[in-house]
């Protein structure tokens, strides 16, 4: 994880980055913001499907926020 991103700032980071996301990435952000506890138990494919997006979009979304991947984003959501 990027050193500047602390786990406790995951949801605020999503909110502050929202305007810089593509429409597809915003769908993923919306789903995570509305269902953060459910996302912790999902695979990246399940998240993409729930957000009506593609797996690759979900992966790019994680990277755009500074995470190395979906698992790291999920870990940040748990803290």
N, C-alpha and C. Protein backbone atom coordinates (compact mmCIF):
# COMPACT_ATOMS: atom_id res chain seq x y z
N UNK A 1 0.85 -1.17 0.00
CA UNK A 1 0.00 0.00 0.00
C UNK A 1 0.89 1.23 0.00
N UNK A 2 0.45 2.24 -0.68
CA UNK A 2 1.15 3.51 -0.69
C UNK A 2 1.27 4.00 0.75
N UNK A 3 2.45 4.44 1.15
CA UNK A 3 2.67 4.89 2.53
C UNK A 3 1.76 6.04 2.93
N UNK A 4 1.29 6.82 1.97
CA UNK A 4 0.43 7.96 2.27
C UNK A 4 -0.99 7.53 2.59
N UNK A 5 -1.35 6.30 2.26
CA UNK A 5 -2.72 5.83 2.48
C UNK A 5 -2.76 4.96 3.73
N UNK A 6 -3.40 5.45 4.76
CA UNK A 6 -3.57 4.69 5.98
C UNK A 6 -4.91 3.97 5.92
N UNK A 7 -5.00 2.78 6.49
CA UNK A 7 -6.25 2.03 6.43
C UNK A 7 -7.47 2.81 6.90
N UNK A 8 -7.32 3.61 7.93
CA UNK A 8 -8.46 4.35 8.48
C UNK A 8 -8.97 5.41 7.50
N UNK A 9 -8.20 5.69 6.46
CA UNK A 9 -8.61 6.71 5.50
C UNK A 9 -9.18 6.12 4.22
N UNK A 10 -9.44 4.85 4.18
CA UNK A 10 -9.89 4.19 2.95
C UNK A 10 -11.20 4.79 2.42
N UNK A 11 -12.23 4.86 3.24
CA UNK A 11 -13.51 5.40 2.76
C UNK A 11 -13.42 6.90 2.48
N UNK A 12 -12.77 7.69 3.33
CA UNK A 12 -12.59 9.11 2.97
C UNK A 12 -11.79 9.28 1.67
N UNK A 13 -10.82 8.41 1.44
CA UNK A 13 -10.05 8.45 0.21
C UNK A 13 -10.96 8.21 -0.99
N UNK A 14 -11.85 7.25 -0.88
CA UNK A 14 -12.81 6.98 -1.94
C UNK A 14 -13.65 8.22 -2.23
N UNK A 15 -14.14 8.83 -1.18
CA UNK A 15 -14.99 10.01 -1.34
C UNK A 15 -14.23 11.18 -1.98
N UNK A 16 -13.00 11.39 -1.54
CA UNK A 16 -12.24 12.52 -2.06
C UNK A 16 -11.74 12.29 -3.50
N UNK A 17 -11.60 11.04 -3.90
CA UNK A 17 -11.13 10.71 -5.24
C UNK A 17 -12.28 10.55 -6.24
N UNK A 18 -13.49 10.58 -5.75
CA UNK A 18 -14.67 10.23 -6.56
C UNK A 18 -14.75 10.99 -7.88
N UNK A 19 -14.53 12.29 -7.87
CA UNK A 19 -14.67 13.09 -9.09
C UNK A 19 -13.60 12.76 -10.13
N UNK A 20 -12.50 12.17 -9.71
CA UNK A 20 -11.42 11.81 -10.64
C UNK A 20 -11.58 10.41 -11.22
N UNK A 21 -12.64 9.72 -10.83
CA UNK A 21 -12.87 8.36 -11.31
C UNK A 21 -13.72 8.39 -12.58
N UNK A 22 -13.55 7.35 -13.40
CA UNK A 22 -14.41 7.20 -14.56
C UNK A 22 -15.81 6.79 -14.09
N UNK A 23 -16.79 6.84 -14.98
CA UNK A 23 -18.16 6.44 -14.62
C UNK A 23 -18.19 5.00 -14.11
N UNK A 24 -17.46 4.11 -14.75
CA UNK A 24 -17.41 2.70 -14.31
C UNK A 24 -16.76 2.57 -12.95
N UNK A 25 -15.70 3.32 -12.73
CA UNK A 25 -15.03 3.30 -11.43
C UNK A 25 -15.92 3.90 -10.35
N UNK A 26 -16.71 4.90 -10.72
CA UNK A 26 -17.65 5.50 -9.76
C UNK A 26 -18.71 4.49 -9.32
N UNK A 27 -19.11 3.60 -10.23
CA UNK A 27 -20.06 2.54 -9.85
C UNK A 27 -19.46 1.63 -8.78
N UNK A 28 -18.19 1.32 -8.95
CA UNK A 28 -17.49 0.49 -7.96
C UNK A 28 -17.38 1.24 -6.64
N UNK A 29 -17.00 2.51 -6.71
CA UNK A 29 -16.89 3.33 -5.50
C UNK A 29 -18.23 3.42 -4.79
N UNK A 30 -19.30 3.63 -5.54
CA UNK A 30 -20.64 3.71 -4.95
C UNK A 30 -20.97 2.43 -4.20
N UNK A 31 -20.68 1.30 -4.84
CA UNK A 31 -20.99 0.02 -4.20
C UNK A 31 -20.18 -0.15 -2.91
N UNK A 32 -18.91 0.16 -2.96
CA UNK A 32 -18.05 0.02 -1.77
C UNK A 32 -18.52 0.96 -0.66
N UNK A 33 -18.84 2.20 -1.01
CA UNK A 33 -19.28 3.16 0.00
C UNK A 33 -20.59 2.74 0.66
N UNK A 34 -21.46 2.09 -0.10
CA UNK A 34 -22.75 1.65 0.43
C UNK A 34 -22.67 0.30 1.13
N UNK A 35 -21.66 -0.51 0.81
CA UNK A 35 -21.56 -1.87 1.33
C UNK A 35 -20.15 -2.24 1.77
N UNK A 36 -19.47 -1.43 2.55
CA UNK A 36 -18.06 -1.73 2.86
C UNK A 36 -17.85 -3.07 3.56
N UNK A 37 -18.75 -3.45 4.44
CA UNK A 37 -18.57 -4.72 5.16
C UNK A 37 -18.79 -5.92 4.25
N UNK A 38 -19.70 -5.81 3.30
CA UNK A 38 -19.95 -6.91 2.35
C UNK A 38 -18.76 -7.10 1.41
N UNK A 39 -18.14 -6.00 1.02
CA UNK A 39 -17.02 -6.06 0.06
C UNK A 39 -15.85 -6.85 0.63
N UNK A 40 -15.69 -6.81 1.93
CA UNK A 40 -14.59 -7.52 2.59
C UNK A 40 -14.64 -9.02 2.29
N UNK A 41 -15.82 -9.55 2.08
CA UNK A 41 -16.00 -10.99 1.85
C UNK A 41 -16.16 -11.35 0.38
N UNK A 42 -15.99 -10.40 -0.50
CA UNK A 42 -16.19 -10.62 -1.94
C UNK A 42 -14.88 -10.87 -2.66
N UNK A 43 -15.00 -11.50 -3.81
CA UNK A 43 -13.87 -11.57 -4.74
C UNK A 43 -13.96 -10.34 -5.63
N UNK A 44 -12.91 -10.08 -6.37
CA UNK A 44 -12.94 -8.93 -7.27
C UNK A 44 -14.00 -9.12 -8.35
N UNK A 45 -14.22 -10.36 -8.77
CA UNK A 45 -15.25 -10.65 -9.77
C UNK A 45 -16.64 -10.38 -9.21
N UNK A 46 -16.85 -10.75 -7.96
CA UNK A 46 -18.15 -10.51 -7.33
C UNK A 46 -18.41 -9.01 -7.17
N UNK A 47 -17.38 -8.27 -6.81
CA UNK A 47 -17.53 -6.82 -6.70
C UNK A 47 -17.86 -6.21 -8.05
N UNK A 48 -17.12 -6.61 -9.06
CA UNK A 48 -17.35 -6.09 -10.40
C UNK A 48 -18.79 -6.39 -10.86
N UNK A 49 -19.23 -7.60 -10.63
CA UNK A 49 -20.59 -7.97 -11.02
C UNK A 49 -21.63 -7.17 -10.25
N UNK A 50 -21.43 -7.02 -8.95
CA UNK A 50 -22.38 -6.27 -8.11
C UNK A 50 -22.44 -4.80 -8.53
N UNK A 51 -21.33 -4.28 -9.01
CA UNK A 51 -21.27 -2.88 -9.42
C UNK A 51 -21.53 -2.70 -10.92
N UNK A 52 -21.92 -3.78 -11.59
CA UNK A 52 -22.19 -3.75 -13.04
C UNK A 52 -20.98 -3.20 -13.80
N UNK A 53 -19.84 -3.76 -13.49
CA UNK A 53 -18.60 -3.33 -14.10
C UNK A 53 -17.76 -4.56 -14.46
N UNK A 54 -16.59 -4.33 -15.02
CA UNK A 54 -15.70 -5.42 -15.42
C UNK A 54 -14.62 -5.65 -14.36
N UNK A 55 -14.11 -6.87 -14.32
CA UNK A 55 -13.03 -7.20 -13.39
C UNK A 55 -11.84 -6.26 -13.58
N UNK A 56 -11.48 -6.00 -14.83
CA UNK A 56 -10.33 -5.14 -15.12
C UNK A 56 -10.56 -3.72 -14.59
N UNK A 57 -11.79 -3.25 -14.66
CA UNK A 57 -12.11 -1.92 -14.14
C UNK A 57 -11.92 -1.89 -12.63
N UNK A 58 -12.35 -2.94 -11.96
CA UNK A 58 -12.20 -3.03 -10.50
C UNK A 58 -10.71 -3.06 -10.13
N UNK A 59 -9.92 -3.77 -10.91
CA UNK A 59 -8.48 -3.83 -10.66
C UNK A 59 -7.84 -2.46 -10.86
N UNK A 60 -8.18 -1.79 -11.96
CA UNK A 60 -7.64 -0.44 -12.22
C UNK A 60 -8.08 0.54 -11.13
N UNK A 61 -9.30 0.39 -10.66
CA UNK A 61 -9.84 1.22 -9.59
C UNK A 61 -8.95 1.12 -8.34
N UNK A 62 -8.58 -0.08 -7.96
CA UNK A 62 -7.70 -0.29 -6.80
C UNK A 62 -6.37 0.41 -6.99
N UNK A 63 -5.80 0.27 -8.17
CA UNK A 63 -4.50 0.88 -8.46
C UNK A 63 -4.61 2.41 -8.47
N UNK A 64 -5.70 2.93 -9.02
CA UNK A 64 -5.88 4.37 -9.08
C UNK A 64 -5.92 4.99 -7.69
N UNK A 65 -6.44 4.22 -6.72
CA UNK A 65 -6.51 4.71 -5.35
C UNK A 65 -5.20 4.52 -4.59
N UNK A 66 -4.24 3.82 -5.21
CA UNK A 66 -2.94 3.65 -4.60
C UNK A 66 -2.71 2.30 -3.94
N UNK A 67 -3.66 1.39 -4.10
CA UNK A 67 -3.50 0.05 -3.53
C UNK A 67 -2.82 -0.86 -4.55
N UNK A 68 -2.11 -1.87 -4.06
CA UNK A 68 -1.43 -2.79 -4.97
C UNK A 68 -2.42 -3.74 -5.64
N UNK A 69 -3.58 -3.90 -5.05
CA UNK A 69 -4.60 -4.77 -5.61
C UNK A 69 -5.83 -4.80 -4.73
N UNK A 70 -6.77 -5.66 -5.08
CA UNK A 70 -8.04 -5.74 -4.38
C UNK A 70 -7.88 -6.23 -2.94
N UNK A 71 -6.99 -7.19 -2.73
CA UNK A 71 -6.80 -7.71 -1.37
C UNK A 71 -6.34 -6.60 -0.42
N UNK A 72 -5.47 -5.75 -0.90
CA UNK A 72 -4.99 -4.65 -0.06
C UNK A 72 -6.11 -3.65 0.23
N UNK A 73 -6.96 -3.38 -0.74
CA UNK A 73 -8.10 -2.51 -0.52
C UNK A 73 -9.02 -3.13 0.54
N UNK A 74 -9.27 -4.42 0.43
CA UNK A 74 -10.12 -5.11 1.42
C UNK A 74 -9.52 -5.04 2.81
N UNK A 75 -8.23 -5.22 2.91
CA UNK A 75 -7.57 -5.13 4.23
C UNK A 75 -7.76 -3.72 4.81
N UNK A 76 -7.66 -2.71 3.97
CA UNK A 76 -7.83 -1.34 4.43
C UNK A 76 -9.26 -1.11 4.92
N UNK A 77 -10.22 -1.77 4.28
CA UNK A 77 -11.62 -1.62 4.70
C UNK A 77 -11.89 -2.25 6.05
N UNK A 78 -11.09 -3.23 6.44
CA UNK A 78 -11.32 -3.92 7.71
C UNK A 78 -10.84 -3.13 8.91
N UNK A 79 -10.00 -2.15 8.68
CA UNK A 79 -9.40 -1.41 9.80
C UNK A 79 -10.12 -0.11 10.06
